[in-house]
Protein backbone atom coordinates (compact mmCIF):
# COMPACT_ATOMS: atom_id res chain seq x y z
CA MET A 1 -13.85 15.44 -58.61
CA SER A 2 -10.45 15.81 -56.95
CA LYS A 3 -7.96 13.00 -56.56
CA PRO A 4 -7.07 11.88 -53.05
CA THR A 5 -3.75 13.24 -51.80
CA PRO A 6 -1.17 10.51 -51.15
CA THR A 7 0.07 10.29 -47.59
CA ILE A 8 3.62 9.45 -46.57
CA GLU A 9 4.14 8.17 -43.06
CA ILE A 10 7.59 7.96 -41.48
CA ALA A 11 8.29 5.34 -38.84
CA ARG A 12 11.24 3.74 -37.13
CA VAL A 13 12.05 0.23 -38.26
CA TYR A 14 12.16 -0.91 -34.62
CA ASP A 15 8.56 0.20 -33.95
CA SER A 16 5.56 -2.01 -34.70
CA PRO A 17 3.74 -1.01 -37.90
CA LYS A 18 0.52 0.93 -37.31
CA SER A 19 -1.27 -0.95 -40.05
CA ALA A 20 -0.63 -3.58 -42.70
CA LYS A 21 -1.86 -1.41 -45.55
CA GLY A 22 0.36 0.72 -47.73
CA TYR A 23 3.70 0.29 -49.46
CA ARG A 24 6.51 -0.22 -46.94
CA VAL A 25 10.01 0.99 -47.86
CA LEU A 26 13.27 1.00 -45.90
CA VAL A 27 15.55 3.94 -46.75
CA ASP A 28 18.93 3.21 -45.20
CA ARG A 29 22.30 2.04 -46.48
CA LEU A 30 22.73 -0.47 -43.66
CA TRP A 31 20.35 -3.18 -42.54
CA PRO A 32 19.09 -2.44 -39.00
CA ARG A 33 20.84 -4.43 -36.28
CA GLY A 34 18.90 -7.26 -34.72
CA VAL A 35 16.07 -7.19 -37.25
CA LYS A 36 15.28 -10.16 -39.47
CA LYS A 37 14.32 -9.37 -43.06
CA GLU A 38 11.20 -11.53 -42.88
CA ASP A 39 10.02 -9.68 -39.75
CA LEU A 40 9.84 -6.29 -41.51
CA ASN A 41 7.47 -7.29 -44.30
CA LEU A 42 9.00 -4.67 -46.64
CA ASP A 43 7.98 -3.94 -50.20
CA ASP A 44 11.33 -2.36 -51.11
CA TRP A 45 14.73 -1.30 -49.73
CA PHE A 46 16.21 1.90 -51.21
CA LYS A 47 19.88 1.94 -50.22
CA GLU A 48 20.80 4.32 -53.04
CA ILE A 49 18.77 7.30 -51.80
CA ALA A 50 19.72 6.98 -48.13
CA PRO A 51 22.01 9.57 -46.51
CA SER A 52 25.73 9.08 -47.14
CA ASP A 53 27.99 7.53 -44.48
CA GLN A 54 29.55 10.97 -43.93
CA LEU A 55 26.14 12.56 -43.28
CA ARG A 56 25.08 9.69 -40.98
CA LYS A 57 28.27 10.14 -38.94
CA TRP A 58 27.76 13.92 -38.76
CA PHE A 59 24.15 13.48 -37.63
CA ASP A 60 25.44 11.51 -34.65
CA HIS A 61 27.93 14.30 -33.92
CA ASP A 62 28.96 15.68 -30.54
CA ASP A 63 27.57 19.22 -30.04
CA ASP A 64 30.69 20.26 -28.11
CA GLU A 65 32.89 19.31 -31.07
CA LEU A 66 30.59 21.17 -33.47
CA PHE A 67 30.69 24.39 -31.43
CA PHE A 68 34.47 24.10 -31.04
CA ALA A 69 34.84 23.82 -34.81
CA GLN A 70 32.60 26.87 -35.35
CA ASP A 71 34.62 28.91 -32.81
CA GLN A 72 37.88 27.99 -34.59
CA GLY A 73 36.47 29.23 -37.89
CA ASP A 74 35.69 32.68 -36.48
CA GLN A 75 39.35 33.51 -35.80
């Protein structure tokens, strides 16, 4: 008999949870703006494994700046 495969679901903290079952974890270094801790009904908050501040800032980058930087590197 095979064991059931665990399922990981990813959701935004601002969206309503699909169901109450499961283990709910927040993975972010910063607490989401405008959200009360008691409203999230979390089981854990993993700040340590969240993306670094540098990576978070890069992810919100401006594409024009990125392409400019790549063009400069080709010279």
